[in-house]
PDB file of N, CA and C in Angstrom:
ATOM      1  N   MET A   1     -32.909  -7.688 -17.961  1.00  0.00           N
ATOM      2  CA  MET A   1     -33.240  -6.648 -17.614  1.00  0.00           C
ATOM      3  C   MET A   1     -32.426  -5.457 -17.620  1.00  0.00           C
ATOM      4  N   GLU A   2     -33.347  -4.596 -18.049  1.00  0.00           N
ATOM      5  CA  GLU A   2     -32.255  -3.054 -19.064  1.00  0.00           C
ATOM      6  C   GLU A   2     -31.973  -2.575 -17.295  1.00  0.00           C
ATOM      7  N   VAL A   3     -30.838  -1.953 -17.643  1.00  0.00           N
ATOM      8  CA  VAL A   3     -30.933  -0.141 -16.957  1.00  0.00           C
ATOM      9  C   VAL A   3     -30.784   0.499 -18.081  1.00  0.00           C
ATOM     10  N   VAL A   4     -31.703   1.506 -17.667  1.00  0.00           N
ATOM     11  CA  VAL A   4     -31.701   2.673 -18.361  1.00  0.00           C
ATOM     12  C   VAL A   4     -30.921   4.113 -17.577  1.00  0.00           C
ATOM     13  N   PRO A   5     -29.833   4.794 -18.141  1.00  0.00           N
ATOM     14  CA  PRO A   5     -29.643   5.470 -17.245  1.00  0.00           C
ATOM     15  C   PRO A   5     -30.043   6.196 -18.019  1.00  0.00           C
ATOM     16  N   THR A   6     -29.762   7.785 -16.458  1.00  0.00           N
ATOM     17  CA  THR A   6     -30.696   8.873 -16.620  1.00  0.00           C
ATOM     18  C   THR A   6     -29.352   9.641 -16.937  1.00  0.00           C
ATOM     19  N   ARG A   7     -29.550  11.439 -17.868  1.00  0.00           N
ATOM     20  CA  ARG A   7     -28.505  12.064 -18.294  1.00  0.00           C
ATOM     21  C   ARG A   7     -27.412  12.545 -17.698  1.00  0.00           C
ATOM     22  N   SER A   8     -27.454  12.465 -16.446  1.00  0.00           N
ATOM     23  CA  SER A   8     -26.641  12.612 -15.711  1.00  0.00           C
ATOM     24  C   SER A   8     -25.741  11.515 -14.918  1.00  0.00           C
ATOM     25  N   GLU A   9     -26.859  10.436 -15.095  1.00  0.00           N
ATOM     26  CA  GLU A   9     -26.094   9.226 -14.652  1.00  0.00           C
ATOM     27  C   GLU A   9     -25.316   7.936 -15.066  1.00  0.00           C
ATOM     28  N   PRO A  10     -23.897   8.006 -15.292  1.00  0.00           N
ATOM     29  CA  PRO A  10     -23.000   6.610 -15.919  1.00  0.00           C
ATOM     30  C   PRO A  10     -24.107   5.584 -16.163  1.00  0.00           C
ATOM     31  N   VAL A  11     -23.730   5.099 -17.194  1.00  0.00           N
ATOM     32  CA  VAL A  11     -24.369   3.865 -17.466  1.00  0.00           C
ATOM     33  C   VAL A  11     -23.872   2.309 -16.360  1.00  0.00           C
ATOM     34  N   LEU A  12     -24.751   1.737 -15.616  1.00  0.00           N
ATOM     35  CA  LEU A  12     -24.081   0.367 -14.849  1.00  0.00           C
ATOM     36  C   LEU A  12     -23.190  -0.430 -15.903  1.00  0.00           C
ATOM     37  N   THR A  13     -22.113  -1.475 -15.506  1.00  0.00           N
ATOM     38  CA  THR A  13     -21.436  -1.836 -15.948  1.00  0.00           C
ATOM     39  C   THR A  13     -21.182  -3.333 -14.857  1.00  0.00           C
ATOM     40  N   GLN A  14     -20.626  -4.148 -16.045  1.00  0.00           N
ATOM     41  CA  GLN A  14     -20.539  -5.660 -15.003  1.00  0.00           C
ATOM     42  C   GLN A  14     -18.707  -5.148 -14.051  1.00  0.00           C
ATOM     43  N   THR A  15     -18.599  -4.694 -14.774  1.00  0.00           N
ATOM     44  CA  THR A  15     -17.078  -3.724 -14.150  1.00  0.00           C
ATOM     45  C   THR A  15     -17.251  -3.281 -12.784  1.00  0.00           C
ATOM     46  N   GLU A  16     -18.338  -2.435 -12.968  1.00  0.00           N
ATOM     47  CA  GLU A  16     -19.368  -1.763 -11.444  1.00  0.00           C
ATOM     48  C   GLU A  16     -19.337  -3.118 -10.176  1.00  0.00           C
ATOM     49  N   ILE A  17     -20.519  -3.802 -10.706  1.00  0.00           N
ATOM     50  CA  ILE A  17     -20.560  -4.784 -10.330  1.00  0.00           C
ATOM     51  C   ILE A  17     -19.423  -5.459  -9.266  1.00  0.00           C
ATOM     52  N   VAL A  18     -18.697  -5.815 -10.567  1.00  0.00           N
ATOM     53  CA  VAL A  18     -17.746  -6.996  -9.991  1.00  0.00           C
ATOM     54  C   VAL A  18     -17.348  -6.008  -8.663  1.00  0.00           C
ATOM     55  N   ASP A  19     -16.903  -4.699  -8.905  1.00  0.00           N
ATOM     56  CA  ASP A  19     -16.067  -4.012  -7.680  1.00  0.00           C
ATOM     57  C   ASP A  19     -16.441  -3.612  -6.606  1.00  0.00           C
ATOM     58  N   CYS A  20     -18.276  -3.548  -6.850  1.00  0.00           N
ATOM     59  CA  CYS A  20     -18.855  -3.582  -5.607  1.00  0.00           C
ATOM     60  C   CYS A  20     -18.777  -5.041  -4.180  1.00  0.00           C
ATOM     61  N   VAL A  21     -19.455  -5.963  -5.240  1.00  0.00           N
ATOM     62  CA  VAL A  21     -19.476  -6.778  -4.305  1.00  0.00           C
ATOM     63  C   VAL A  21     -18.619  -7.836  -4.627  1.00  0.00           C
ATOM     64  N   GLU A  22     -17.440  -8.271  -4.651  1.00  0.00           N
ATOM     65  CA  GLU A  22     -16.405  -9.420  -5.299  1.00  0.00           C
ATOM     66  C   GLU A  22     -16.335  -9.363  -3.352  1.00  0.00           C
ATOM     67  N   ASP A  23     -16.469  -8.685  -2.460  1.00  0.00           N
ATOM     68  CA  ASP A  23     -15.646  -9.177  -1.223  1.00  0.00           C
ATOM     69  C   ASP A  23     -17.219  -9.983  -0.723  1.00  0.00           C
ATOM     70  N   ALA A  24     -17.955  -9.867  -1.360  1.00  0.00           N
ATOM     71  CA  ALA A  24     -19.168 -10.953  -0.317  1.00  0.00           C
ATOM     72  C   ALA A  24     -18.711 -12.119  -0.583  1.00  0.00           C
ATOM     73  N   PHE A  25     -17.363 -12.667  -0.978  1.00  0.00           N
ATOM     74  CA  PHE A  25     -17.206 -14.065  -1.399  1.00  0.00           C
ATOM     75  C   PHE A  25     -15.729 -14.181  -1.014  1.00  0.00           C
ATOM     76  N   LEU A  26     -15.817 -13.516  -0.409  1.00  0.00           N
ATOM     77  CA  LEU A  26     -14.330 -13.918   0.014  1.00  0.00           C
ATOM     78  C   LEU A  26     -14.268 -15.000   1.384  1.00  0.00           C
ATOM     79  N   SER A  27     -15.613 -15.179   1.594  1.00  0.00           N
ATOM     80  CA  SER A  27     -15.570 -16.148   2.406  1.00  0.00           C
ATOM     81  C   SER A  27     -16.479 -17.663   1.804  1.00  0.00           C
ATOM     82  N   GLY A  28     -16.745 -17.611   0.658  1.00  0.00           N
ATOM     83  CA  GLY A  28     -17.353 -18.377   0.074  1.00  0.00           C
ATOM     84  C   GLY A  28     -18.606 -17.338  -0.961  1.00  0.00           C
ATOM     85  N   SER A  29     -19.624 -18.526  -0.655  1.00  0.00           N
ATOM     86  CA  SER A  29     -20.621 -18.045  -1.510  1.00  0.00           C
ATOM     87  C   SER A  29     -21.768 -17.294  -0.915  1.00  0.00           C
ATOM     88  N   ALA A  30     -22.584 -16.502  -1.885  1.00  0.00           N
ATOM     89  CA  ALA A  30     -22.963 -15.185  -1.120  1.00  0.00           C
ATOM     90  C   ALA A  30     -24.328 -15.464  -1.871  1.00  0.00           C
ATOM     91  N   THR A  31     -25.593 -14.572  -0.789  1.00  0.00           N
ATOM     92  CA  THR A  31     -27.281 -14.139  -1.077  1.00  0.00           C
ATOM     93  C   THR A  31     -27.082 -12.927  -1.742  1.00  0.00           C
ATOM     94  N   VAL A  32     -28.349 -12.897  -1.639  1.00  0.00           N
ATOM     95  CA  VAL A  32     -28.771 -11.662  -2.379  1.00  0.00           C
ATOM     96  C   VAL A  32     -28.518 -10.773  -1.205  1.00  0.00           C
ATOM     97  N   THR A  33     -28.773 -10.235   0.140  1.00  0.00           N
ATOM     98  CA  THR A  33     -28.602 -10.283   1.277  1.00  0.00           C
ATOM     99  C   THR A  33     -26.928  -9.589   1.485  1.00  0.00           C
ATOM    100  N   GLY A  34     -26.255 -11.145   0.866  1.00  0.00           N
ATOM    101  CA  GLY A  34     -24.338 -10.885   1.109  1.00  0.00           C
ATOM    102  C   GLY A  34     -24.054  -9.573   0.589  1.00  0.00           C
ATOM    103  N   LEU A  35     -24.285 -10.290  -0.721  1.00  0.00           N
ATOM    104  CA  LEU A  35     -24.482  -9.020  -1.907  1.00  0.00           C
ATOM    105  C   LEU A  35     -25.107  -7.805  -1.514  1.00  0.00           C
ATOM    106  N   LEU A  36     -25.763  -7.148  -0.827  1.00  0.00           N
ATOM    107  CA  LEU A  36     -26.230  -5.791  -1.076  1.00  0.00           C
ATOM    108  C   LEU A  36     -25.266  -5.450   0.340  1.00  0.00           C
ATOM    109  N   ASP A  37     -24.786  -5.906   1.679  1.00  0.00           N
ATOM    110  CA  ASP A  37     -23.812  -5.986   1.761  1.00  0.00           C
ATOM    111  C   ASP A  37     -22.594  -5.246   1.739  1.00  0.00           C
ATOM    112  N   ALA A  38     -21.909  -5.757   0.779  1.00  0.00           N
ATOM    113  CA  ALA A  38     -21.080  -5.502   0.404  1.00  0.00           C
ATOM    114  C   ALA A  38     -21.161  -4.505  -0.933  1.00  0.00           C
ATOM    115  N   ALA A  39     -22.271  -4.334  -1.438  1.00  0.00           N
ATOM    116  CA  ALA A  39     -22.516  -2.839  -1.621  1.00  0.00           C
ATOM    117  C   ALA A  39     -22.074  -1.517  -1.090  1.00  0.00           C
ATOM    118  N   LEU A  40     -22.801  -2.216   0.106  1.00  0.00           N
ATOM    119  CA  LEU A  40     -23.256  -1.159   1.004  1.00  0.00           C
ATOM    120  C   LEU A  40     -21.945  -0.654   1.493  1.00  0.00           C
ATOM    121  N   ARG A  41     -20.750  -1.451   1.595  1.00  0.00           N
ATOM    122  CA  ARG A  41     -19.955  -1.443   2.703  1.00  0.00           C
ATOM    123  C   ARG A  41     -18.866  -0.713   1.180  1.00  0.00           C
ATOM    124  N   CYS A  42     -19.241   0.002  -0.318  1.00  0.00           N
ATOM    125  CA  CYS A  42     -18.339  -0.254  -1.634  1.00  0.00           C
ATOM    126  C   CYS A  42     -18.969   1.732  -1.991  1.00  0.00           C
ATOM    127  N   GLN A  43     -20.353   1.235  -0.666  1.00  0.00           N
ATOM    128  CA  GLN A  43     -20.558   2.839  -0.948  1.00  0.00           C
ATOM    129  C   GLN A  43     -20.993   2.874  -2.389  1.00  0.00           C
ATOM    130  N   ALA A  44     -22.111   1.725  -2.785  1.00  0.00           N
ATOM    131  CA  ALA A  44     -22.445   1.721  -4.625  1.00  0.00           C
ATOM    132  C   ALA A  44     -23.180   2.355  -4.550  1.00  0.00           C
ATOM    133  N   ARG A  45     -23.560   3.318  -6.083  1.00  0.00           N
ATOM    134  CA  ARG A  45     -24.337   4.398  -6.481  1.00  0.00           C
ATOM    135  C   ARG A  45     -25.698   3.218  -6.690  1.00  0.00           C
ATOM    136  N   PRO A  46     -26.674   4.265  -6.319  1.00  0.00           N
ATOM    137  CA  PRO A  46     -27.981   3.138  -6.390  1.00  0.00           C
ATOM    138  C   PRO A  46     -28.273   2.105  -7.414  1.00  0.00           C
ATOM    139  N   ALA A  47     -27.947   2.911  -8.862  1.00  0.00           N
ATOM    140  CA  ALA A  47     -28.231   1.599  -9.854  1.00  0.00           C
ATOM    141  C   ALA A  47     -27.539   0.181  -9.959  1.00  0.00           C
ATOM    142  N   VAL A  48     -26.632   0.233  -8.550  1.00  0.00           N
ATOM    143  CA  VAL A  48     -25.869  -0.861  -8.535  1.00  0.00           C
ATOM    144  C   VAL A  48     -27.140  -2.276  -7.641  1.00  0.00           C
ATOM    145  N   PHE A  49     -27.549  -1.059  -6.514  1.00  0.00           N
ATOM    146  CA  PHE A  49     -28.209  -1.761  -5.650  1.00  0.00           C
ATOM    147  C   PHE A  49     -29.953  -2.042  -6.475  1.00  0.00           C
ATOM    148  N   ALA A  50     -30.331  -1.286  -7.356  1.00  0.00           N
ATOM    149  CA  ALA A  50     -31.395  -1.385  -8.418  1.00  0.00           C
ATOM    150  C   ALA A  50     -31.463  -2.472  -9.042  1.00  0.00           C
ATOM    151  N   ALA A  51     -29.990  -2.993  -9.670  1.00  0.00           N
ATOM    152  CA  ALA A  51     -29.761  -4.192 -10.458  1.00  0.00           C
ATOM    153  C   ALA A  51     -29.802  -5.299  -9.142  1.00  0.00           C
ATOM    154  N   LEU A  52     -28.952  -5.271  -8.319  1.00  0.00           N
ATOM    155  CA  LEU A  52     -28.839  -6.475  -7.414  1.00  0.00           C
ATOM    156  C   LEU A  52     -30.788  -6.651  -6.469  1.00  0.00           C
ATOM    157  N   VAL A  53     -30.849  -6.275  -6.331  1.00  0.00           N
ATOM    158  CA  VAL A  53     -32.736  -6.178  -5.538  1.00  0.00           C
ATOM    159  C   VAL A  53     -33.111  -7.520  -7.156  1.00  0.00           C
ATOM    160  N   GLN A  54     -33.218  -6.725  -7.891  1.00  0.00           N
ATOM    161  CA  GLN A  54     -33.570  -7.821  -9.462  1.00  0.00           C
ATOM    162  C   GLN A  54     -33.475  -9.324  -9.333  1.00  0.00           C
ATOM    163  N   LEU A  55     -32.514  -9.509  -8.695  1.00  0.00           N
ATOM    164  CA  LEU A  55     -31.662 -10.735  -8.830  1.00  0.00           C
ATOM    165  C   LEU A  55     -32.220 -11.930  -8.154  1.00  0.00           C
ATOM    166  N   PRO A  56     -32.440 -13.041  -8.527  1.00  0.00           N
ATOM    167  CA  PRO A  56     -33.424 -13.959  -7.799  1.00  0.00           C
ATOM    168  C   PRO A  56     -32.544 -14.540  -6.405  1.00  0.00           C
ATOM    169  N   GLU A  57     -33.512 -14.727  -5.422  1.00  0.00           N
ATOM    170  CA  GLU A  57     -32.779 -15.496  -4.167  1.00  0.00           C
ATOM    171  C   GLU A  57     -32.336 -16.096  -4.716  1.00  0.00           C
ATOM    172  N   ARG A  58     -30.880 -16.609  -4.221  1.00  0.00           N
ATOM    173  CA  ARG A  58     -30.500 -18.096  -3.985  1.00  0.00           C
ATOM    174  C   ARG A  58     -28.954 -17.804  -4.029  1.00  0.00           C
ATOM    175  N   SER A  59     -28.253 -18.631  -3.387  1.00  0.00           N
ATOM    176  CA  SER A  59     -26.946 -18.815  -2.910  1.00  0.00           C
ATOM    177  C   SER A  59     -26.178 -18.479  -4.452  1.00  0.00           C
ATOM    178  N   TYR A  60     -24.861 -17.447  -4.676  1.00  0.00           N
ATOM    179  CA  TYR A  60     -24.376 -17.458  -5.557  1.00  0.00           C
ATOM    180  C   TYR A  60     -23.379 -17.703  -5.302  1.00  0.00           C
ATOM    181  N   VAL A  61     -21.851 -18.572  -6.090  1.00  0.00           N
ATOM    182  CA  VAL A  61     -21.021 -19.380  -5.888  1.00  0.00           C
ATOM    183  C   VAL A  61     -19.863 -18.285  -6.494  1.00  0.00           C
ATOM    184  N   SER A  62     -19.629 -17.293  -6.951  1.00  0.00           N
ATOM    185  CA  SER A  62     -19.339 -16.609  -7.696  1.00  0.00           C
ATOM    186  C   SER A  62     -19.820 -14.993  -8.227  1.00  0.00           C
ATOM    187  N   VAL A  63     -18.683 -14.122  -8.651  1.00  0.00           N
ATOM    188  CA  VAL A  63     -18.951 -12.862  -9.178  1.00  0.00           C
ATOM    189  C   VAL A  63     -19.213 -13.390 -10.785  1.00  0.00           C
ATOM    190  N   MET A  64     -19.330 -14.175 -11.345  1.00  0.00           N
ATOM    191  CA  MET A  64     -19.377 -14.510 -12.141  1.00  0.00           C
ATOM    192  C   MET A  64     -20.742 -15.067 -12.523  1.00  0.00           C
ATOM    193  N   ASP A  65     -21.304 -16.316 -10.879  1.00  0.00           N
ATOM    194  CA  ASP A  65     -22.275 -16.515 -10.908  1.00  0.00           C
ATOM    195  C   ASP A  65     -23.272 -15.414 -10.969  1.00  0.00           C
ATOM    196  N   VAL A  66     -22.935 -14.409 -10.049  1.00  0.00           N
ATOM    197  CA  VAL A  66     -23.895 -13.456 -10.016  1.00  0.00           C
ATOM    198  C   VAL A  66     -24.587 -12.724 -11.820  1.00  0.00           C
ATOM    199  N   LEU A  67     -23.421 -12.293 -12.359  1.00  0.00           N
ATOM    200  CA  LEU A  67     -23.051 -11.626 -13.708  1.00  0.00           C
ATOM    201  C   LEU A  67     -24.067 -12.309 -14.700  1.00  0.00           C
ATOM    202  N   SER A  68     -24.403 -14.022 -14.668  1.00  0.00           N
ATOM    203  CA  SER A  68     -24.552 -14.367 -16.074  1.00  0.00           C
ATOM    204  C   SER A  68     -26.144 -14.504 -15.610  1.00  0.00           C
ATOM    205  N   SER A  69     -26.037 -14.111 -13.933  1.00  0.00           N
ATOM    206  CA  SER A  69     -27.898 -13.133 -13.864  1.00  0.00           C
ATOM    207  C   SER A  69     -28.218 -12.187 -14.447  1.00  0.00           C
ATOM    208  N   LEU A  70     -26.893 -10.918 -14.588  1.00  0.00           N
ATOM    209  CA  LEU A  70     -27.656  -9.854 -15.412  1.00  0.00           C
ATOM    210  C   LEU A  70     -26.733  -9.779 -16.274  1.00  0.00           C
ATOM    211  N   PRO A  71     -27.621 -10.055 -17.412  1.00  0.00           N
ATOM    212  CA  PRO A  71     -26.623 -10.543 -18.629  1.00  0.00           C
ATOM    213  C   PRO A  71     -26.786  -8.925 -19.910  1.00  0.00           C
ATOM    214  N   ASP A  72     -28.003  -8.568 -19.568  1.00  0.00           N
ATOM    215  CA  ASP A  72     -28.118  -6.867 -19.852  1.00  0.00           C
ATOM    216  C   ASP A  72     -27.063  -5.812 -19.919  1.00  0.00           C
ATOM    217  N   LEU A  73     -26.313  -6.601 -18.767  1.00  0.00           N
ATOM    218  CA  LEU A  73     -25.153  -5.064 -18.519  1.00  0.00           C
ATOM    219  C   LEU A  73     -23.641  -5.318 -19.338  1.00  0.00           C
ATOM    220  N   PRO A  74     -23.789  -4.356 -19.828  1.00  0.00           N
ATOM    221  CA  PRO A  74     -22.189  -4.178 -20.849  1.00  0.00           C
ATOM    222  C   PRO A  74     -21.301  -4.500 -20.193  1.00  0.00           C
ATOM    223  N   TYR A  75     -19.445  -4.984 -20.393  1.00  0.00           N
ATOM    224  CA  TYR A  75     -19.025  -4.842 -19.535  1.00  0.00           C
ATOM    225  C   TYR A  75     -18.343  -3.773 -18.786  1.00  0.00           C
ATOM    226  N   THR A  76     -18.173  -2.590 -20.385  1.00  0.00           N
ATOM    227  CA  THR A  76     -17.371  -1.679 -19.766  1.00  0.00           C
ATOM    228  C   THR A  76     -18.223  -0.313 -20.662  1.00  0.00           C
ATOM    229  N   VAL A  77     -17.753   0.978 -20.244  1.00  0.00           N
ATOM    230  CA  VAL A  77     -18.647   1.522 -21.260  1.00  0.00           C
ATOM    231  C   VAL A  77     -17.352   2.148 -22.157  1.00  0.00           C
ATOM    232  N   ASP A  78     -17.626   2.052 -23.579  1.00  0.00           N
ATOM    233  CA  ASP A  78     -16.062   2.132 -24.691  1.00  0.00           C
ATOM    234  C   ASP A  78     -16.275   3.642 -24.668  1.00  0.00           C
TER     235      ASP A  78
END
């Protein structure tokens, strides 16, 4: 999955995904619904939601597990 930003929108990064969904794992594994709830609580940008809804519906055991399903995202923007 490749996320192409518009001119005015910054590139979505792994760091932003981590910042938005890490709270979903406080009690253990998380589903896509749990990840979306965490993104809502952190007031994530639409690009975060667009990436999360593309994830396969299953239980994710960690943030790294989520990122492995989003391999095209850069870690940070240089």
